[in-house]
């Protein structure tokens, strides 16, 4: 007559190990999600910096100013020659 209140199958009717696996799985998932969010943040910052470097070159700016009529054809040709 030795046993506990829940019978001979153990705590939770034998399903305790499933809850334990779910609990530790959740903890591990949260840890890896946290680490991934930190590494993605650094990754995106690097991409943002590289995209800023890819902004308009001086020749592109010159072409835009000429297209808008801000500079004349002579000024455009002179600066274009100076740039390269």
N, C-alpha and C. Protein backbone atom coordinates (compact mmCIF):
# COMPACT_ATOMS: atom_id res chain seq x y z
N UNK A 1 0.79 -1.18 0.00
CA UNK A 1 0.00 0.00 0.00
C UNK A 1 0.84 1.25 0.00
N UNK A 2 2.05 1.12 -0.44
CA UNK A 2 2.86 2.33 -0.51
C UNK A 2 2.63 2.97 -1.86
N UNK A 3 2.56 4.22 -1.86
CA UNK A 3 2.32 4.98 -3.09
C UNK A 3 2.00 6.41 -2.71
N UNK A 4 1.74 7.17 -3.67
CA UNK A 4 1.40 8.56 -3.40
C UNK A 4 -0.06 8.82 -3.79
N UNK A 5 -0.46 10.04 -3.67
CA UNK A 5 -1.84 10.42 -3.91
C UNK A 5 -2.24 10.19 -5.37
N UNK A 6 -1.29 10.38 -6.30
CA UNK A 6 -1.60 10.30 -7.72
C UNK A 6 -1.54 8.88 -8.27
N UNK A 7 -1.22 7.94 -7.49
CA UNK A 7 -1.15 6.58 -7.94
C UNK A 7 0.27 6.20 -8.29
N UNK A 8 0.39 5.13 -8.99
CA UNK A 8 1.73 4.63 -9.26
C UNK A 8 2.36 5.18 -10.54
N UNK A 9 1.63 6.00 -11.29
CA UNK A 9 2.18 6.50 -12.55
C UNK A 9 2.99 7.78 -12.38
N UNK A 10 2.99 8.36 -11.25
CA UNK A 10 3.80 9.54 -11.00
C UNK A 10 3.03 10.84 -11.15
N UNK A 11 3.75 11.94 -11.04
CA UNK A 11 3.14 13.26 -11.07
C UNK A 11 2.55 13.54 -12.44
N UNK A 12 1.36 14.06 -12.47
CA UNK A 12 0.72 14.45 -13.71
C UNK A 12 0.21 13.28 -14.52
N UNK A 13 0.07 12.17 -13.94
CA UNK A 13 -0.44 11.02 -14.66
C UNK A 13 0.52 10.50 -15.72
N UNK A 14 1.80 10.69 -15.52
CA UNK A 14 2.79 10.21 -16.48
C UNK A 14 3.09 11.19 -17.59
N UNK A 15 2.49 12.37 -17.56
CA UNK A 15 2.71 13.37 -18.61
C UNK A 15 3.67 14.47 -18.19
N UNK A 16 4.21 14.36 -17.00
CA UNK A 16 5.10 15.40 -16.49
C UNK A 16 6.33 15.61 -17.37
N UNK A 17 6.85 14.57 -17.96
CA UNK A 17 8.04 14.69 -18.80
C UNK A 17 7.74 15.50 -20.05
N UNK A 18 6.50 15.45 -20.54
CA UNK A 18 6.15 16.25 -21.73
C UNK A 18 6.19 17.73 -21.38
N UNK A 19 5.65 18.09 -20.23
CA UNK A 19 5.67 19.49 -19.81
C UNK A 19 7.09 19.97 -19.54
N UNK A 20 7.92 19.08 -19.02
CA UNK A 20 9.31 19.45 -18.78
C UNK A 20 10.02 19.73 -20.10
N UNK A 21 9.80 18.90 -21.10
CA UNK A 21 10.42 19.12 -22.42
C UNK A 21 9.91 20.41 -23.04
N UNK A 22 8.61 20.67 -22.95
CA UNK A 22 8.05 21.91 -23.48
C UNK A 22 8.63 23.13 -22.77
N UNK A 23 8.76 23.05 -21.46
CA UNK A 23 9.31 24.16 -20.68
C UNK A 23 10.74 24.47 -21.12
N UNK A 24 11.60 23.47 -21.16
CA UNK A 24 13.00 23.70 -21.53
C UNK A 24 13.12 24.07 -23.01
N UNK A 25 12.26 23.54 -23.85
CA UNK A 25 12.25 23.94 -25.25
C UNK A 25 11.91 25.41 -25.41
N UNK A 26 10.96 25.88 -24.62
CA UNK A 26 10.59 27.29 -24.64
C UNK A 26 11.76 28.17 -24.17
N UNK A 27 12.43 27.76 -23.13
CA UNK A 27 13.58 28.51 -22.63
C UNK A 27 14.69 28.58 -23.68
N UNK A 28 14.99 27.46 -24.31
CA UNK A 28 16.05 27.42 -25.33
C UNK A 28 15.65 28.26 -26.54
N UNK A 29 14.39 28.17 -26.97
CA UNK A 29 13.91 28.96 -28.10
C UNK A 29 14.02 30.46 -27.79
N UNK A 30 13.64 30.88 -26.60
CA UNK A 30 13.72 32.29 -26.21
C UNK A 30 15.17 32.77 -26.23
N UNK A 31 16.08 31.95 -25.76
CA UNK A 31 17.50 32.31 -25.74
C UNK A 31 18.02 32.52 -27.16
N UNK A 32 17.76 31.58 -28.05
CA UNK A 32 18.25 31.70 -29.42
C UNK A 32 17.57 32.85 -30.17
N UNK A 33 16.32 33.10 -29.91
CA UNK A 33 15.63 34.23 -30.52
C UNK A 33 16.25 35.55 -30.07
N UNK A 34 16.59 35.64 -28.80
CA UNK A 34 17.23 36.84 -28.27
C UNK A 34 18.60 37.06 -28.92
N UNK A 35 19.39 36.01 -29.01
CA UNK A 35 20.72 36.12 -29.63
C UNK A 35 20.59 36.50 -31.10
N UNK A 36 19.63 35.90 -31.81
CA UNK A 36 19.44 36.20 -33.22
C UNK A 36 19.02 37.65 -33.42
N UNK A 37 18.18 38.17 -32.54
CA UNK A 37 17.76 39.56 -32.68
C UNK A 37 18.94 40.51 -32.48
N UNK A 38 19.86 40.16 -31.59
CA UNK A 38 21.05 40.99 -31.40
C UNK A 38 21.95 40.97 -32.62
N UNK A 39 22.15 39.79 -33.21
CA UNK A 39 23.03 39.69 -34.39
C UNK A 39 22.38 40.31 -35.61
N UNK A 40 21.07 40.22 -35.76
CA UNK A 40 20.40 40.85 -36.90
C UNK A 40 20.45 42.36 -36.80
N UNK A 41 20.39 42.88 -35.61
CA UNK A 41 20.46 44.33 -35.43
C UNK A 41 21.81 44.84 -35.91
N UNK A 42 22.89 44.16 -35.55
CA UNK A 42 24.21 44.55 -36.00
C UNK A 42 24.34 44.40 -37.51
N UNK A 43 23.75 43.37 -38.05
CA UNK A 43 23.80 43.11 -39.48
C UNK A 43 23.10 44.23 -40.24
N UNK A 44 21.94 44.62 -39.78
CA UNK A 44 21.17 45.65 -40.47
C UNK A 44 21.87 47.00 -40.39
N UNK A 45 22.51 47.28 -39.28
CA UNK A 45 23.25 48.53 -39.17
C UNK A 45 24.36 48.58 -40.20
N UNK A 46 25.05 47.46 -40.43
CA UNK A 46 26.11 47.42 -41.43
C UNK A 46 25.54 47.63 -42.82
N UNK A 47 24.38 47.06 -43.11
CA UNK A 47 23.76 47.24 -44.41
C UNK A 47 23.36 48.69 -44.60
N UNK A 48 22.89 49.32 -43.55
CA UNK A 48 22.48 50.71 -43.65
C UNK A 48 23.69 51.58 -43.95
N UNK A 49 24.81 51.31 -43.32
CA UNK A 49 26.03 52.08 -43.56
C UNK A 49 26.48 51.90 -45.00
N UNK A 50 26.45 50.66 -45.51
CA UNK A 50 26.89 50.42 -46.87
C UNK A 50 25.96 51.05 -47.88
N UNK A 51 24.66 51.13 -47.58
CA UNK A 51 23.73 51.77 -48.50
C UNK A 51 23.95 53.28 -48.52
N UNK A 52 24.37 53.85 -47.40
CA UNK A 52 24.68 55.27 -47.38
C UNK A 52 25.90 55.57 -48.22
N UNK A 53 26.84 54.65 -48.28
CA UNK A 53 28.02 54.84 -49.11
C UNK A 53 27.67 54.78 -50.59
N UNK A 54 26.57 54.10 -50.92
CA UNK A 54 26.16 53.95 -52.30
C UNK A 54 25.29 55.10 -52.77
N UNK A 55 25.19 56.14 -51.98
CA UNK A 55 24.38 57.28 -52.38
C UNK A 55 24.95 57.90 -53.64
N UNK A 56 24.25 58.88 -54.12
CA UNK A 56 24.60 59.51 -55.38
C UNK A 56 26.05 59.95 -55.43
N UNK A 57 26.68 59.64 -56.55
CA UNK A 57 28.04 60.12 -56.75
C UNK A 57 27.98 61.58 -57.18
N UNK A 58 29.13 62.20 -57.24
CA UNK A 58 29.18 63.61 -57.61
C UNK A 58 28.64 63.81 -59.03
N UNK A 59 28.93 62.88 -59.92
CA UNK A 59 28.45 62.99 -61.30
C UNK A 59 26.92 62.87 -61.35
N UNK A 60 26.36 62.00 -60.52
CA UNK A 60 24.90 61.89 -60.47
C UNK A 60 24.26 63.18 -59.99
N UNK A 61 24.85 63.78 -58.97
CA UNK A 61 24.34 65.05 -58.45
C UNK A 61 24.44 66.12 -59.52
N UNK A 62 25.55 66.13 -60.24
CA UNK A 62 25.75 67.10 -61.31
C UNK A 62 24.69 66.93 -62.40
N UNK A 63 24.42 65.68 -62.76
CA UNK A 63 23.40 65.42 -63.79
C UNK A 63 22.02 65.86 -63.32
N UNK A 64 21.71 65.63 -62.05
CA UNK A 64 20.43 66.06 -61.51
C UNK A 64 20.29 67.58 -61.54
N UNK A 65 21.35 68.27 -61.16
CA UNK A 65 21.30 69.74 -61.16
C UNK A 65 21.14 70.28 -62.57
N UNK A 66 21.79 69.65 -63.53
CA UNK A 66 21.65 70.07 -64.93
C UNK A 66 20.24 69.80 -65.43
N UNK A 67 19.68 68.64 -65.07
CA UNK A 67 18.33 68.28 -65.50
C UNK A 67 17.29 69.23 -64.90
N UNK A 68 17.53 69.70 -63.69
CA UNK A 68 16.60 70.64 -63.05
C UNK A 68 16.77 72.06 -63.57
N UNK A 69 17.82 72.31 -64.32
CA UNK A 69 18.07 73.64 -64.84
C UNK A 69 18.80 74.55 -63.88
N UNK A 70 19.40 74.00 -62.85
CA UNK A 70 20.12 74.80 -61.87
C UNK A 70 21.46 75.29 -62.42
N UNK A 71 22.04 74.56 -63.36
CA UNK A 71 23.31 74.97 -63.96
C UNK A 71 23.17 74.93 -65.48
N UNK A 72 24.04 75.67 -66.15
CA UNK A 72 24.01 75.72 -67.61
C UNK A 72 24.84 74.58 -68.20
N UNK A 73 24.75 74.43 -69.52
CA UNK A 73 25.50 73.39 -70.21
C UNK A 73 27.01 73.62 -70.05
N UNK A 74 27.43 74.86 -70.09
CA UNK A 74 28.85 75.18 -69.94
C UNK A 74 29.35 74.80 -68.55
N UNK A 75 28.56 75.14 -67.52
CA UNK A 75 28.93 74.78 -66.15
C UNK A 75 28.97 73.26 -65.98
N UNK A 76 28.00 72.58 -66.59
CA UNK A 76 27.95 71.13 -66.51
C UNK A 76 29.21 70.52 -67.13
N UNK A 77 29.58 70.98 -68.33
CA UNK A 77 30.74 70.44 -69.02
C UNK A 77 32.03 70.71 -68.25
N UNK A 78 32.15 71.92 -67.69
CA UNK A 78 33.34 72.29 -66.93
C UNK A 78 33.50 71.41 -65.69
N UNK A 79 32.44 71.25 -64.92
CA UNK A 79 32.51 70.46 -63.70
C UNK A 79 32.71 68.98 -64.03
N UNK A 80 32.06 68.52 -65.09
CA UNK A 80 32.23 67.12 -65.50
C UNK A 80 33.67 66.85 -65.89
N UNK A 81 34.29 67.80 -66.57
CA UNK A 81 35.70 67.66 -66.95
C UNK A 81 36.57 67.64 -65.69
N UNK A 82 36.24 68.49 -64.73
CA UNK A 82 37.01 68.55 -63.48
C UNK A 82 36.89 67.24 -62.68
N UNK A 83 35.71 66.64 -62.73
CA UNK A 83 35.50 65.40 -61.97
C UNK A 83 36.22 64.21 -62.57
N UNK A 84 36.40 64.26 -63.86
CA UNK A 84 37.14 63.13 -64.28
C UNK A 84 37.14 62.55 -65.58
